[in-house]
Structure formats: C-alpha cells, structure tokens
Amino acid sequence: TTMIKSALEIINNYTPGAFNPHPLFSNSHVQTIVGGLFRTSTMYWDNDTDNLFTVLSRIASHEKSDTNNNPDDTFVTFDERERIITPDNDFFDVTWKYSPVGIPRKGTVVLTHGLESGSDKPLSRDLATAYHLQGFDVAYINFRGCSGQPNLTPGSYHLSFTNDLQYFLTCKKTKLKNNGPVFLSGFSLGANVVVNFLAQAGNSITETYNVHGAAVNCCPMDVTRTSDNLNGPENFFSFNVYGRDLKKKLVDKLMGQALNPGIDVPFCIEDVERCETIRDVENLLSLIYGFEDAYDYYERSSVAGKLDKVAVPLYVVSSDDDPFFEGDARPSTSFAKTTKFLYTERGGHCGNILHTGDAPDVRVGDDGRLLQCSWMPDELARFVDHVASEISPTESGLGNVGV
C-alpha cells in the first residue's frame, strides 16, 4: 500500500546513532542495574571517577535512587495528572508534560512503561524529557494500579493489554488531533503493548487514531523464547537478581486483589501464596484475561509474527546483551517492512548509560531547571522527530500549533 511504501521510505531515510559505553562499565548487569537505579548520575561518561565510584558504593550498600532530591536530576517534572475512567468502571492515570514555551508544538507522544514501573520512575522521566526537548507534548499512560492507588477490577495490565491505550486515543481524539500528529513510545512491557496495538489497528491506525509512527526500547519479540530468563533455574543470576524482585511486586498486587471482597478473581489466597516464580503469577493472571495459561499468554502476546501488520514507521532499539531477552527472535526486515531495528552491542535491559560519545545539549526548562536526557531516549526521540519532519501538515492532521 501507499502507506507502507511511505513508511518504508521514512525508515530508510533515518540514520541510527551509535551507543558506546565506557568499556569498564559495559557489562549488561551494570548497565541494567545502574541504569535503573542511578540513571541521572550516570547518563554519560564525563571522566568524573569520584562521582561514579560514589554511585557504585551506593549500589553496594543497597541504597535506592531518589531523583527528586538529586542535584544531578535533569529530567522533567510533569505539568498535570488526569484520571481516565474506563468503560469497565476502573481507571488509569495519565501525566502530561507540555511542549516548551516559545517552541512550535510538533505533536503528542503517548508513552507507556514497563512492568511495575510508572511515570514517576527515572527512565520514564528520562523518556519524557527527550520528547519534551524535541518540542512534543507528552501524555504518559500509567497502567492500572501503577500510579499509587490500587485499581478496581480483576487484573490490571499485561503484554498485549491494549484496551486502555486504545481508549485514551479514542476519548482524547479531538485534543490530540488539535495538537498535531500522534506518536507512540514505550519500553519493555510497554513497548510490547505499543507494537501489539499498532499491529491490531493495522492500516486504519492513522485515519482512526491520528498515529503516524512509534519508537520503542527493549521490546520482546517472542516471549515464548525469553520467559525462562526470569523464571530460573537455568538462568540463576537473572532470576535471583531481577526475577525475585519483580515476582514479589506482582504477588503483593495479586494478594491485594485476592483479599479485596469487592474484586472477584478466579483464584484464592492460597494460590497466590504458592507462587514461586513470575510464571506462577502469570498462570493466575492468564485466567483473568481468558488465556489458557502463561504459555498461551506468551504465545498470543508475542509480536514477532505481527510486524507485517504495522503500517506506520516503527523504530525498535534493543541490546544484544539484554539479560531479560536472551534468545529472543530476530524478525527479518523483509517481513517487518515498516520496522527499523537497532541492536546495540551493549546496553543491558533499558540501560544504555555511561555513553562516551557526544551528549545532547543541556537546555534550560520553563521552570529554570537544567534539562538533559540520556542516549537511548534521545535516540528514540530523534527518530520520532524525523518521522514528524517527513509527514506533511495535511497528513499529520495538524491544527493550531501551540507555543
């Protein structure tokens, strides 16, 4: 189709960046752990070894990151939060960051986060900063139960739960269209939701939702091939370092629902207590959403076989050494015609920190704070900016350009 041809031309005209971490800190687990906990202090290598070893000592002492009190914090704070009531009488919260004053608005980027994350986490704010600095409004969807308050219905979200993203784009269609073209972005589980939605909407994505492109990070392609990485016992390190913590968070949430008399779930407290791995939890969650079991959930939520349905330019940035997705599928570009892939040699899972190359300029935000994003969010934002520059005002549905 003409849309796919145009998308192919757009992705072919984009030149990906190169991620070059400092060799002493290129290990996948260093990238993953430090990038998750101390992102603001470790975005770029600046030869400040004292600062870096301070960060490493904080990790060794199990000190948690606190970006809100960090003088190095160069990520945006959001302008407002909006609660969206869903058709099934539940809710999710959307946090907004509007484009900088005095810069023509280029459109809106709708962001989605990873498992048990949210818009207040460092990587989420890092992504929002990248798009804000490029001149986009940002609408950050916090999945159900991820904005500080338990949700009201069984379950909450999963890899292919596109309902809330679709509902947001539908109920905010007028506001979004008036602000120009819409783009989607997300990381990890949120990346999977975005790609599932793109494939689900197919050729109608632009006409129906005004969505013109997407850029995602660490999107699992075939979850049937990657699920063992966090479920052990073959991958002892990843299971114990990452899997146990994620499992505890999921169990706590599931237990809260099992104990809530107002929520009717197809399992009991004893079922939750018996969960030893993430897969055990997902076996229970699958019952809520109509999957036969966790394996059926993985198979039906995987996007590797759906990329031929994506009709707009899609950029997927991942790392070869991602400990979460070892053994993942690599779809061919002949099948995924509208998708551009970038696999960095290093970077871990949603890391890509301590980059030794050029850093984007530090800018002064509307509130007087200095703003800067890390390499990976900047790479995603550069692609979205490229797509926005390639589409005409007529194609974008651009109305009034805000300042």
Protein backbone atom coordinates (compact mmCIF):
# COMPACT_ATOMS: atom_id res chain seq x y z
CA THR A 1 0.00 0.00 0.00
CA THR A 2 0.93 3.66 -0.31
CA MET A 3 1.10 3.98 3.49
CA ILE A 4 3.59 1.11 3.79
CA LYS A 5 5.67 2.49 0.91
CA SER A 6 5.81 5.87 2.61
CA ALA A 7 6.73 4.26 5.94
CA LEU A 8 9.50 2.29 4.25
CA GLU A 9 10.93 5.45 2.72
CA ILE A 10 10.85 7.23 6.09
CA ILE A 11 12.69 4.49 7.99
CA ASN A 12 15.26 4.12 5.20
CA ASN A 13 16.00 7.85 5.41
CA TYR A 14 16.84 7.66 9.12
CA THR A 15 20.43 7.18 10.25
CA PRO A 16 20.64 5.43 13.65
CA GLY A 17 23.03 6.64 16.31
CA ALA A 18 25.80 4.57 17.90
CA PHE A 19 25.93 3.68 21.59
CA ASN A 20 29.44 3.49 23.04
CA PRO A 21 29.58 2.82 26.79
CA HIS A 22 32.79 3.18 28.77
CA PRO A 23 34.47 -0.25 28.47
CA LEU A 24 34.87 -0.63 32.24
CA PHE A 25 31.11 -0.32 32.70
CA SER A 26 29.74 -2.08 29.62
CA ASN A 27 28.67 -5.26 31.43
CA SER A 28 24.99 -5.99 30.81
CA HIS A 29 24.10 -6.22 34.50
CA VAL A 30 25.94 -2.99 35.34
CA GLN A 31 24.05 -1.28 32.51
CA THR A 32 20.72 -2.73 33.69
CA ILE A 33 21.07 -2.17 37.43
CA VAL A 34 22.85 1.19 37.44
CA GLY A 35 20.63 2.44 34.60
CA GLY A 36 17.55 1.55 36.61
CA LEU A 37 18.61 2.95 39.97
CA PHE A 38 21.04 5.79 39.30
CA ARG A 39 20.21 6.97 35.82
CA THR A 40 20.51 10.71 36.42
CA SER A 41 24.10 10.42 37.68
CA THR A 42 25.39 8.01 35.03
CA MET A 43 23.97 9.06 31.66
CA TYR A 44 27.31 9.99 30.11
CA TRP A 45 30.95 9.31 30.87
CA ASP A 46 32.46 12.63 31.91
CA ASN A 47 35.74 11.39 33.46
CA ASP A 48 34.31 12.10 36.91
CA THR A 49 35.50 8.87 38.51
CA ASP A 50 34.80 10.15 42.03
CA ASN A 51 31.11 10.58 41.18
CA LEU A 52 30.92 7.18 39.50
CA PHE A 53 32.52 5.29 42.35
CA THR A 54 30.21 7.11 44.76
CA VAL A 55 27.30 5.69 42.76
CA LEU A 56 28.83 2.20 42.78
CA SER A 57 29.34 2.34 46.55
CA ARG A 58 25.68 3.34 46.95
CA ILE A 59 24.71 0.28 44.93
CA ALA A 60 26.93 -1.96 47.06
CA SER A 61 25.18 -0.64 50.18
CA HIS A 62 21.74 -1.25 48.55
CA GLU A 63 20.90 2.44 48.62
CA LYS A 64 17.90 3.30 46.46
CA SER A 65 17.80 6.09 43.91
CA ASP A 66 15.90 9.25 44.78
CA THR A 67 15.84 11.51 41.75
CA ASN A 68 13.55 14.03 43.42
CA ASN A 69 16.31 15.03 45.85
CA ASN A 70 19.21 14.55 43.47
CA PRO A 71 21.03 17.75 42.46
CA ASP A 72 22.08 15.97 39.25
CA ASP A 73 18.44 15.40 38.24
CA THR A 74 17.99 16.81 34.74
CA PHE A 75 14.67 15.13 33.94
CA VAL A 76 11.35 16.93 33.53
CA THR A 77 8.65 17.10 36.15
CA PHE A 78 5.14 16.66 34.80
CA ASP A 79 2.65 19.51 34.47
CA GLU A 80 -0.57 17.74 35.42
CA ARG A 81 -2.22 14.38 36.04
CA GLU A 82 -5.53 13.34 34.54
CA ARG A 83 -7.65 10.38 35.64
CA ILE A 84 -9.37 8.43 32.87
CA ILE A 85 -12.43 6.39 33.88
CA THR A 86 -12.63 3.25 31.77
CA PRO A 87 -15.77 1.63 30.29
CA ASP A 88 -15.49 -1.21 32.85
CA ASN A 89 -15.59 1.30 35.74
CA ASP A 90 -11.89 1.15 36.51
CA PHE A 91 -9.32 3.91 35.95
CA PHE A 92 -5.83 4.76 34.82
CA ASP A 93 -3.91 8.00 35.28
CA VAL A 94 -2.19 9.99 32.55
CA THR A 95 0.52 12.51 33.36
CA TRP A 96 1.10 15.34 30.90
CA LYS A 97 4.19 17.35 30.03
CA TYR A 98 3.54 20.11 27.54
CA SER A 99 5.99 21.28 24.89
CA PRO A 100 8.37 24.11 25.86
CA VAL A 101 7.08 27.67 25.81
CA GLY A 102 8.11 29.50 22.66
CA ILE A 103 8.77 26.36 20.60
CA PRO A 104 6.21 25.27 17.96
CA ARG A 105 4.49 22.10 19.10
CA LYS A 106 5.27 19.15 16.81
CA GLY A 107 2.56 16.82 18.09
CA THR A 108 1.99 14.46 21.01
CA VAL A 109 3.93 11.39 22.10
CA VAL A 110 1.91 8.87 24.12
CA LEU A 111 4.23 6.90 26.40
CA THR A 112 3.80 3.52 28.10
CA HIS A 113 6.05 1.97 30.76
CA GLY A 114 7.47 -1.40 31.72
CA LEU A 115 6.35 -3.97 34.28
CA GLU A 116 5.60 -2.39 37.69
CA SER A 117 7.01 0.97 36.59
CA GLY A 118 5.22 4.31 36.18
CA SER A 119 5.61 7.89 35.02
CA ASP A 120 7.47 8.89 38.20
CA LYS A 121 10.37 6.48 37.63
CA PRO A 122 13.74 7.79 36.34
CA LEU A 123 13.62 6.08 32.94
CA SER A 124 10.05 7.28 32.38
CA ARG A 125 11.00 10.86 33.14
CA ASP A 126 14.12 10.47 31.01
CA LEU A 127 11.96 9.48 28.03
CA ALA A 128 9.54 12.32 28.67
CA THR A 129 12.49 14.74 28.79
CA ALA A 130 13.76 13.57 25.40
CA TYR A 131 10.43 14.14 23.68
CA HIS A 132 9.81 17.41 25.52
CA LEU A 133 13.16 18.77 24.36
CA GLN A 134 12.27 17.87 20.77
CA GLY A 135 9.10 20.00 21.01
CA PHE A 136 6.40 17.41 21.65
CA ASP A 137 3.64 17.25 24.21
CA VAL A 138 3.95 14.07 26.28
CA ALA A 139 1.00 12.05 27.57
CA TYR A 140 2.30 9.30 29.87
CA ILE A 141 -0.15 6.46 30.49
CA ASN A 142 0.28 4.85 33.91
CA PHE A 143 -1.13 1.35 33.60
CA ARG A 144 -3.86 0.38 36.05
CA GLY A 145 -2.55 0.11 39.59
CA CYS A 146 0.77 1.82 38.72
CA SER A 147 0.07 5.39 39.85
CA GLY A 148 -0.05 4.89 43.61
CA GLN A 149 -3.58 3.59 44.01
CA PRO A 150 -4.89 0.02 43.50
CA ASN A 151 -7.20 -0.47 40.56
CA LEU A 152 -10.79 -1.59 40.98
CA THR A 153 -11.25 -4.60 38.70
CA PRO A 154 -9.56 -8.03 38.41
CA GLY A 155 -6.09 -7.86 36.89
CA SER A 156 -4.62 -4.59 35.69
CA TYR A 157 -2.48 -4.82 32.54
CA HIS A 158 -0.29 -7.21 30.57
CA LEU A 159 1.93 -7.52 27.48
CA SER A 160 -0.91 -7.31 24.98
CA PHE A 161 -3.49 -5.36 27.00
CA THR A 162 -4.14 -2.55 24.52
CA ASN A 163 -7.59 -1.58 25.80
CA ASP A 164 -6.52 1.45 27.82
CA LEU A 165 -4.16 2.79 25.16
CA GLN A 166 -6.90 2.48 22.56
CA TYR A 167 -9.47 4.08 24.88
CA PHE A 168 -7.18 7.00 25.66
CA LEU A 169 -6.56 7.68 21.96
CA THR A 170 -10.30 7.48 21.32
CA CYS A 171 -11.62 9.63 24.17
CA LYS A 172 -8.88 12.25 23.70
CA LYS A 173 -9.04 12.21 19.90
CA THR A 174 -10.09 15.84 19.48
CA LYS A 175 -7.49 17.24 21.87
CA LEU A 176 -4.73 15.12 20.37
CA LYS A 177 -5.67 15.95 16.79
CA ASN A 178 -5.69 19.68 17.53
CA ASN A 179 -2.14 19.31 18.84
CA GLY A 180 -0.87 17.70 15.63
CA PRO A 181 0.25 14.15 14.82
CA VAL A 182 0.33 11.44 17.48
CA PHE A 183 3.26 9.08 18.06
CA LEU A 184 3.60 6.13 20.42
CA SER A 185 6.59 5.13 22.51
CA GLY A 186 7.37 2.80 25.38
CA PHE A 187 9.86 0.44 26.94
CA SER A 188 9.89 -3.26 27.83
CA LEU A 189 6.31 -4.43 28.54
CA GLY A 190 5.03 -1.02 27.42
CA ALA A 191 6.91 -1.44 24.14
CA ASN A 192 5.10 -4.73 23.60
CA VAL A 193 1.74 -3.05 24.24
CA VAL A 194 2.57 -0.37 21.67
CA VAL A 195 3.58 -2.84 18.97
CA ASN A 196 0.57 -5.06 19.65
CA PHE A 197 -1.67 -2.04 19.26
CA LEU A 198 -0.01 -0.97 16.01
CA ALA A 199 -0.50 -4.45 14.57
CA GLN A 200 -4.05 -4.61 15.86
CA ALA A 201 -5.01 -1.28 14.26
CA GLY A 202 -3.21 -2.07 11.00
CA ASN A 203 -3.88 0.21 8.06
CA SER A 204 -6.52 2.20 9.97
CA ILE A 205 -4.03 3.44 12.61
CA THR A 206 -3.60 6.92 11.12
CA GLU A 207 -7.13 7.56 9.95
CA THR A 208 -8.73 6.29 13.16
CA TYR A 209 -6.21 7.42 15.80
CA ASN A 210 -4.00 10.01 14.02
CA VAL A 211 -0.97 7.86 14.92
CA HIS A 212 1.91 8.37 12.47
CA GLY A 213 4.78 6.39 13.95
CA ALA A 214 6.33 4.80 17.03
CA ALA A 215 9.68 4.24 18.72
CA VAL A 216 10.23 1.63 21.44
CA ASN A 217 13.04 0.21 23.56
CA CYS A 218 13.64 -3.37 24.69
CA CYS A 219 10.54 -4.84 23.09
CA PRO A 220 10.39 -8.63 23.49
CA MET A 221 9.67 -10.21 20.12
CA ASP A 222 8.90 -13.81 21.09
CA VAL A 223 8.07 -14.18 24.78
CA THR A 224 7.88 -17.96 24.46
CA ARG A 225 11.65 -17.84 23.89
CA THR A 226 12.53 -15.28 26.58
CA SER A 227 10.27 -16.10 29.52
CA ASP A 228 12.76 -18.58 31.04
CA ASN A 229 15.30 -15.79 31.58
CA LEU A 230 13.49 -14.50 34.67
CA ASN A 231 11.96 -17.77 35.80
CA GLY A 232 15.06 -19.90 36.51
CA PRO A 233 16.55 -22.24 37.38
CA GLU A 234 18.65 -22.27 34.19
CA ASN A 235 19.29 -18.53 34.49
CA PHE A 236 20.14 -18.45 38.18
CA PHE A 237 21.64 -14.96 38.23
CA SER A 238 18.88 -13.16 36.29
CA PHE A 239 16.19 -15.00 38.24
CA ASN A 240 17.64 -14.08 41.61
CA VAL A 241 18.68 -10.51 40.77
CA TYR A 242 15.67 -9.46 38.68
CA GLY A 243 13.02 -12.15 38.78
CA ARG A 244 12.57 -12.39 42.54
CA ASP A 245 12.01 -8.66 42.98
CA LEU A 246 9.52 -8.46 40.12
CA LYS A 247 7.76 -11.58 41.38
CA LYS A 248 7.36 -10.09 44.85
CA LYS A 249 5.78 -6.93 43.43
CA LEU A 250 3.37 -8.96 41.32
CA VAL A 251 2.49 -11.25 44.22
CA ASP A 252 1.80 -8.28 46.50
CA LYS A 253 -0.54 -6.79 43.89
CA LEU A 254 -2.26 -10.12 43.27
CA MET A 255 -2.64 -10.73 47.01
CA GLY A 256 -4.26 -7.32 47.39
CA GLN A 257 -6.86 -8.32 44.82
CA ALA A 258 -7.41 -11.76 46.36
CA LEU A 259 -8.02 -10.13 49.76
CA ASN A 260 -10.38 -7.47 48.35
CA PRO A 261 -14.01 -8.62 48.76
CA GLY A 262 -15.05 -6.13 46.08
CA ILE A 263 -12.95 -7.84 43.40
CA ASP A 264 -13.93 -11.29 42.14
CA VAL A 265 -10.80 -13.11 40.97
CA PRO A 266 -10.61 -16.73 39.74
CA PHE A 267 -8.07 -17.77 42.36
CA CYS A 268 -7.71 -17.78 46.14
CA ILE A 269 -5.14 -16.52 48.65
CA GLU A 270 -3.54 -19.97 48.86
CA ASP A 271 -2.98 -19.96 45.08
CA VAL A 272 -1.10 -16.67 45.35
CA GLU A 273 0.95 -17.88 48.31
CA ARG A 274 2.14 -20.87 46.26
CA CYS A 275 3.64 -18.65 43.53
CA GLU A 276 7.42 -19.08 43.41
CA THR A 277 8.18 -17.53 40.01
CA ILE A 278 6.82 -14.86 37.70
CA ARG A 279 5.40 -17.64 35.52
CA ASP A 280 3.39 -18.93 38.50
CA VAL A 281 1.91 -15.46 38.90
CA GLU A 282 1.20 -15.19 35.18
CA ASN A 283 -0.56 -18.55 35.24
CA LEU A 284 -3.05 -16.95 37.64
CA LEU A 285 -3.27 -13.68 35.74
CA SER A 286 -3.92 -15.53 32.49
CA LEU A 287 -7.18 -16.83 33.95
CA ILE A 288 -8.48 -13.27 34.34
CA TYR A 289 -7.82 -12.35 30.70
CA GLY A 290 -9.06 -15.51 29.00
CA PHE A 291 -5.70 -17.16 28.29
CA GLU A 292 -5.39 -20.88 28.91
CA ASP A 293 -2.19 -20.48 30.91
CA ALA A 294 1.06 -18.49 30.96
CA TYR A 295 2.38 -20.22 27.82
CA ASP A 296 -0.76 -19.34 25.88
CA TYR A 297 -0.39 -15.78 27.15
CA TYR A 298 3.23 -15.63 25.95
CA GLU A 299 2.39 -17.02 22.53
CA ARG A 300 -0.60 -14.76 21.87
CA SER A 301 1.15 -11.65 23.22
CA SER A 302 4.35 -12.03 21.19
CA VAL A 303 4.78 -9.55 18.36
CA ALA A 304 7.36 -11.28 16.15
CA GLY A 305 4.66 -12.68 13.85
CA LYS A 306 2.60 -9.47 13.79
CA LEU A 307 5.07 -6.90 12.50
CA ASP A 308 3.82 -7.27 8.92
CA LYS A 309 0.56 -5.67 10.12
CA VAL A 310 2.30 -2.45 11.28
CA ALA A 311 1.54 0.28 8.74
CA VAL A 312 3.48 3.26 10.16
CA PRO A 313 7.23 3.78 10.74
CA LEU A 314 8.37 1.82 13.78
CA TYR A 315 11.81 2.00 15.40
CA VAL A 316 12.89 -0.78 17.77
CA VAL A 317 16.06 -0.18 19.79
CA SER A 318 17.35 -3.14 21.81
CA SER A 319 20.63 -4.51 23.16
CA ASP A 320 22.33 -7.72 22.13
CA ASP A 321 23.24 -8.37 25.76
CA ASP A 322 19.80 -7.77 27.33
CA PRO A 323 19.65 -10.30 30.21
CA PHE A 324 15.83 -10.28 30.10
CA PHE A 325 15.60 -11.26 26.43
CA GLU A 326 18.43 -13.70 25.82
CA GLY A 327 17.50 -15.98 22.90
CA ASP A 328 14.81 -13.67 21.54
CA ALA A 329 13.67 -13.84 17.90
CA ARG A 330 15.05 -11.52 15.22
CA PRO A 331 12.28 -10.84 12.66
CA SER A 332 13.51 -10.29 9.11
CA THR A 333 13.23 -6.84 7.56
CA SER A 334 11.53 -8.43 4.55
CA PHE A 335 8.69 -9.47 6.88
CA ALA A 336 8.73 -6.35 9.07
CA LYS A 337 8.87 -3.89 6.17
CA THR A 338 7.92 -0.78 8.16
CA THR A 339 10.21 -1.52 11.12
CA LYS A 340 13.77 -0.34 11.60
CA PHE A 341 15.81 -2.31 14.13
CA LEU A 342 18.86 -1.15 16.05
CA TYR A 343 20.64 -3.71 18.21
CA THR A 344 23.41 -2.12 20.26
CA GLU A 345 26.21 -4.47 21.24
CA ARG A 346 25.98 -3.33 24.86
CA GLY A 347 23.30 -1.66 26.94
CA GLY A 348 21.60 -4.34 29.04
CA HIS A 349 17.88 -4.05 29.69
CA CYS A 350 16.73 -0.42 29.35
CA GLY A 351 20.21 0.77 30.30
CA ASN A 352 22.37 2.43 27.64
CA ILE A 353 24.19 4.58 30.20
CA LEU A 354 27.74 5.93 30.60
CA HIS A 355 27.85 6.76 26.90
CA THR A 356 31.27 8.08 25.83
CA GLY A 357 30.11 9.84 22.67
CA ASP A 358 28.51 13.23 22.19
CA ALA A 359 25.70 14.15 24.57
CA PRO A 360 22.69 16.27 23.64
CA ASP A 361 22.88 19.87 24.78
CA VAL A 362 21.78 20.78 28.26
CA ARG A 363 18.78 23.10 27.97
CA VAL A 364 17.05 25.37 30.45
CA GLY A 365 13.47 24.29 31.09
CA ASP A 366 10.44 26.53 31.57
CA ASP A 367 10.89 26.20 35.35
CA GLY A 368 14.55 27.28 35.17
CA ARG A 369 15.94 23.78 35.75
CA LEU A 370 18.62 22.32 33.50
CA LEU A 371 17.26 19.52 31.30
CA GLN A 372 19.11 16.70 29.56
CA CYS A 373 18.20 13.15 28.55
CA SER A 374 20.33 10.02 28.20
CA TRP A 375 21.39 8.32 24.96
CA MET A 376 18.56 5.85 24.38
CA PRO A 377 15.62 8.24 24.96
CA ASP A 378 17.40 10.78 22.75
CA GLU A 379 17.74 8.12 20.03
CA LEU A 380 14.02 7.30 20.16
CA ALA A 381 13.08 10.98 20.17
CA ARG A 382 15.35 11.72 17.21
CA PHE A 383 13.52 9.06 15.20
CA VAL A 384 10.08 10.42 16.10
CA ASP A 385 11.25 13.92 15.23
CA HIS A 386 12.49 12.54 11.90
CA VAL A 387 9.08 11.00 11.16
CA ALA A 388 7.33 14.24 12.13
CA SER A 389 9.54 16.16 9.73
CA GLU A 390 8.76 13.74 6.90
CA ILE A 391 4.95 13.97 7.02
CA SER A 392 3.07 16.90 5.55
CA PRO A 393 0.70 19.16 7.55
CA THR A 394 -2.20 17.57 5.68
CA GLU A 395 -1.09 14.05 6.58
CA SER A 396 -0.48 14.98 10.21
CA GLY A 397 -3.89 16.50 10.82
CA LEU A 398 -2.06 19.49 12.28
CA GLY A 399 -4.40 22.13 13.61
CA ASN A 400 -3.32 25.04 15.76
CA VAL A 401 0.35 24.95 16.58
CA GLY A 402 0.74 25.67 20.27
CA VAL A 403 3.51 27.60 21.94
